[in-house]
C-alpha atoms as a PDB file:
ATOM      1  CA  MET A   1      -1.143   0.989   3.658  1.00  0.00           C
ATOM      2  CA  SER A   2      -4.005   0.272   1.314  1.00  0.00           C
ATOM      3  CA  ASP A   3      -5.497  -3.168   1.984  1.00  0.00           C
ATOM      4  CA  ASN A   4      -2.341  -4.114   3.929  1.00  0.00           C
ATOM      5  CA  GLN A   5      -0.856  -5.996   0.991  1.00  0.00           C
ATOM      6  CA  LEU A   6       2.842  -5.832   0.288  1.00  0.00           C
ATOM      7  CA  SER A   7       2.037  -5.946  -3.435  1.00  0.00           C
ATOM      8  CA  SER A   8       0.381  -2.515  -3.219  1.00  0.00           C
ATOM      9  CA  ALA A   9       3.368  -0.857  -1.517  1.00  0.00           C
ATOM     10  CA  LEU A  10       5.279  -0.008  -4.711  1.00  0.00           C
ATOM     11  CA  PRO A  11       2.314   1.533  -6.608  1.00  0.00           C
ATOM     12  CA  LEU A  12       1.417   3.532  -3.488  1.00  0.00           C
ATOM     13  CA  THR A  13       5.007   4.697  -3.048  1.00  0.00           C
ATOM     14  CA  LEU A  14       5.318   5.791  -6.669  1.00  0.00           C
ATOM     15  CA  GLY A  15       1.957   7.534  -6.537  1.00  0.00           C
ATOM     16  CA  LEU A  16       2.701   9.444  -3.344  1.00  0.00           C
ATOM     17  CA  LEU A  17       6.148  10.500  -4.546  1.00  0.00           C
ATOM     18  CA  LEU A  18       4.769  11.657  -7.901  1.00  0.00           C
ATOM     19  CA  GLY A  19       2.112  13.587  -5.999  1.00  0.00           C
ATOM     20  CA  ASP A  20       4.823  15.235  -3.948  1.00  0.00           C
ATOM     21  CA  ILE A  21       6.658  16.275  -7.114  1.00  0.00           C
ATOM     22  CA  TRP A  22       3.330  17.338  -8.645  1.00  0.00           C
ATOM     23  CA  ALA A  23       2.714  19.609  -5.644  1.00  0.00           C
ATOM     24  CA  ARG A  24       6.134  21.222  -6.041  1.00  0.00           C
ATOM     25  CA  LEU A  25       5.368  21.822  -9.725  1.00  0.00           C
ATOM     26  CA  SER A  26       1.997  23.364  -8.801  1.00  0.00           C
ATOM     27  CA  ILE A  27       3.641  25.761  -6.372  1.00  0.00           C
ATOM     28  CA  LYS A  28       6.261  26.680  -8.970  1.00  0.00           C
ATOM     29  CA  LEU A  29       3.593  27.321 -11.624  1.00  0.00           C
ATOM     30  CA  LEU A  30       1.540  29.412  -9.204  1.00  0.00           C
ATOM     31  CA  SER A  31       4.546  31.619  -8.522  1.00  0.00           C
ATOM     32  CA  LEU A  32       4.557  32.708 -12.170  1.00  0.00           C
ATOM     33  CA  THR A  33       1.176  34.466 -11.756  1.00  0.00           C
ATOM     34  CA  ILE A  34       0.503  35.411 -15.351  1.00  0.00           C
ATOM     35  CA  LEU A  35      -3.297  35.311 -15.035  1.00  0.00           C
ATOM     36  CA  PRO A  36      -5.505  36.456 -12.169  1.00  0.00           C
ATOM     37  CA  TYR A  37      -4.614  34.225  -9.204  1.00  0.00           C
ATOM     38  CA  ASP A  38      -8.007  32.497  -8.832  1.00  0.00           C
ATOM     39  CA  LEU A  39      -8.162  31.652 -12.534  1.00  0.00           C
ATOM     40  CA  GLU A  40      -4.566  30.473 -12.569  1.00  0.00           C
ATOM     41  CA  LEU A  41      -5.139  28.301  -9.492  1.00  0.00           C
ATOM     42  CA  PHE A  42      -8.248  26.740 -11.047  1.00  0.00           C
ATOM     43  CA  LEU A  43      -6.476  26.024 -14.349  1.00  0.00           C
ATOM     44  CA  ILE A  44      -3.365  24.559 -12.734  1.00  0.00           C
ATOM     45  CA  LEU A  45      -5.361  22.296 -10.415  1.00  0.00           C
ATOM     46  CA  ALA A  46      -7.758  21.195 -13.169  1.00  0.00           C
ATOM     47  CA  ILE A  47      -5.045  20.512 -15.733  1.00  0.00           C
ATOM     48  CA  GLN A  48      -2.664  18.790 -13.329  1.00  0.00           C
ATOM     49  CA  GLY A  49      -5.465  16.729 -11.784  1.00  0.00           C
ATOM     50  CA  GLY A  50      -6.662  15.629 -15.205  1.00  0.00           C
ATOM     51  CA  LEU A  51      -3.136  14.821 -16.346  1.00  0.00           C
ATOM     52  CA  ALA A  52      -2.513  12.717 -13.235  1.00  0.00           C
ATOM     53  CA  VAL A  53      -5.605  10.634 -13.965  1.00  0.00           C
ATOM     54  CA  ILE A  54      -4.827  10.271 -17.679  1.00  0.00           C
ATOM     55  CA  LEU A  55      -1.126   9.490 -17.202  1.00  0.00           C
ATOM     56  CA  SER A  56      -1.692   6.937 -14.447  1.00  0.00           C
ATOM     57  CA  ALA A  57      -4.490   5.016 -16.197  1.00  0.00           C
ATOM     58  CA  PRO A  58      -2.335   2.943 -18.594  1.00  0.00           C
ATOM     59  CA  ILE A  59       0.127   2.011 -15.863  1.00  0.00           C
ATOM     60  CA  SER A  60      -2.281   1.551 -12.972  1.00  0.00           C
ATOM     61  CA  LYS A  61      -0.662  -1.795 -12.127  1.00  0.00           C
ATOM     62  CA  TRP A  62       2.552   0.035 -11.162  1.00  0.00           C
ATOM     63  CA  LEU A  63       1.206   3.447 -10.152  1.00  0.00           C
ATOM     64  CA  SER A  64      -1.707   4.285  -7.864  1.00  0.00           C
ATOM     65  CA  CYS A  65      -3.687   7.286  -9.102  1.00  0.00           C
ATOM     66  CA  PRO A  66      -5.431   7.792  -5.724  1.00  0.00           C
ATOM     67  CA  ALA A  67      -2.012   7.832  -4.040  1.00  0.00           C
ATOM     68  CA  TRP A  68      -0.760  10.338  -6.639  1.00  0.00           C
ATOM     69  CA  LEU A  69      -3.700  12.653  -5.947  1.00  0.00           C
ATOM     70  CA  CYS A  70      -3.338  12.170  -2.185  1.00  0.00           C
ATOM     71  CA  GLY A  71       0.398  12.915  -2.309  1.00  0.00           C
ATOM     72  CA  TRP A  72      -0.372  15.999  -4.371  1.00  0.00           C
ATOM     73  CA  ALA A  73      -2.922  17.205  -1.804  1.00  0.00           C
ATOM     74  CA  ILE A  74      -0.557  16.561   1.102  1.00  0.00           C
ATOM     75  CA  GLY A  75       2.268  18.333  -0.688  1.00  0.00           C
ATOM     76  CA  LEU A  76       0.114  21.351  -1.542  1.00  0.00           C
ATOM     77  CA  THR A  77      -1.146  21.593   2.025  1.00  0.00           C
ATOM     78  CA  VAL A  78       2.378  21.672   3.431  1.00  0.00           C
ATOM     79  CA  LEU A  79       4.195  23.590   0.695  1.00  0.00           C
ATOM     80  CA  ALA A  80       1.664  26.329  -0.133  1.00  0.00           C
ATOM     81  CA  PRO A  81       2.312  28.544   2.907  1.00  0.00           C
ATOM     82  CA  LEU A  82       6.118  28.179   2.733  1.00  0.00           C
ATOM     83  CA  LYS A  83       8.667  30.521   1.271  1.00  0.00           C
ATOM     84  CA  ALA A  84      10.166  29.312  -2.015  1.00  0.00           C
ATOM     85  CA  ALA A  85      13.575  28.693  -0.411  1.00  0.00           C
ATOM     86  CA  LEU A  86      12.104  26.069   1.942  1.00  0.00           C
ATOM     87  CA  ALA A  87       9.887  24.323  -0.606  1.00  0.00           C
ATOM     88  CA  ASN A  88      12.534  21.994  -2.053  1.00  0.00           C
ATOM     89  CA  GLU A  89      13.750  20.883   1.377  1.00  0.00           C
ATOM     90  CA  TYR A  90      10.232  20.275   2.644  1.00  0.00           C
ATOM     91  CA  CYS A  91       9.271  18.494  -0.575  1.00  0.00           C
ATOM     92  CA  PHE A  92      12.111  16.029   0.039  1.00  0.00           C
ATOM     93  CA  GLN A  93      11.108  15.589   3.695  1.00  0.00           C
ATOM     94  CA  ILE A  94       7.473  14.948   2.765  1.00  0.00           C
ATOM     95  CA  GLY A  95       8.604  12.291   0.292  1.00  0.00           C
ATOM     96  CA  ILE A  96      10.755  10.549   2.894  1.00  0.00           C
ATOM     97  CA  ALA A  97       7.898  10.589   5.407  1.00  0.00           C
ATOM     98  CA  MET A  98       5.568   9.047   2.826  1.00  0.00           C
ATOM     99  CA  VAL A  99       8.027   6.277   1.975  1.00  0.00           C
ATOM    100  CA  ILE A 100       8.582   5.507   5.659  1.00  0.00           C
ATOM    101  CA  GLY A 101       4.839   5.428   6.218  1.00  0.00           C
ATOM    102  CA  ILE A 102       4.281   2.875   3.480  1.00  0.00           C
ATOM    103  CA  TRP A 103       7.298   0.610   3.930  1.00  0.00           C
ATOM    104  CA  TYR A 104       7.915   0.756   7.670  1.00  0.00           C
ATOM    105  CA  ILE A 105       4.493   1.332   9.168  1.00  0.00           C
ATOM    106  CA  GLY A 106       2.462  -0.311   6.422  1.00  0.00           C
ATOM    107  CA  ALA A 107       4.524  -3.187   5.048  1.00  0.00           C
ATOM    108  CA  LEU A 108       7.038  -4.079   7.759  1.00  0.00           C
ATOM    109  CA  LEU A 109       4.773  -3.738  10.780  1.00  0.00           C
ATOM    110  CA  ASN A 110       1.956  -5.566   8.974  1.00  0.00           C
ATOM    111  CA  LEU A 111       4.363  -8.417   8.203  1.00  0.00           C
ATOM    112  CA  LEU A 112       5.457  -8.464  11.850  1.00  0.00           C
ATOM    113  CA  GLN A 113       1.827  -8.602  12.980  1.00  0.00           C
ATOM    114  CA  VAL A 114       1.084 -11.535  10.646  1.00  0.00           C
ATOM    115  CA  LYS A 115       4.129 -13.432  11.931  1.00  0.00           C
ATOM    116  CA  LEU A 116       3.174 -12.745  15.570  1.00  0.00           C
ATOM    117  CA  ASP A 117      -0.390 -13.909  14.896  1.00  0.00           C
ATOM    118  CA  GLN A 118       0.939 -17.122  13.352  1.00  0.00           C
ATOM    119  CA  LEU A 119       3.289 -17.680  16.285  1.00  0.00           C
ATOM    120  CA  LEU A 120       0.565 -17.046  18.861  1.00  0.00           C
ATOM    121  CA  SER A 121      -1.947 -19.261  17.080  1.00  0.00           C
ATOM    122  CA  LYS A 122       0.540 -22.172  17.197  1.00  0.00           C
ATOM    123  CA  HIS A 123       0.814 -21.806  20.980  1.00  0.00           C
ATOM    124  CA  ASN A 124      -2.969 -21.726  21.559  1.00  0.00           C
END
């Protein structure tokens, strides 16, 4: 978790989940293939990347733009080689893994470590 602060868990979670949805949208848009593939890929990535930055700026207190872009990259990496039928299921699984990573590994285990450090420092 970024800077190991519980206060950053919600913006990170929202950003990663939006990135996951953003990746699914990218894959869906790429399947339309109206333009030459390379041009279409460039336009989709440029427009969606720009929109993510612009949309997250006014609400940066509640939404992490870096997490959004990271979630998007993770989602694209996993979803791009899959068949369309699997994309929705995997998109959901990626989102769950991201949430578990932030709240269980990041927030809960960090809190446990702080409490153990406090307990051990009292005994020394």
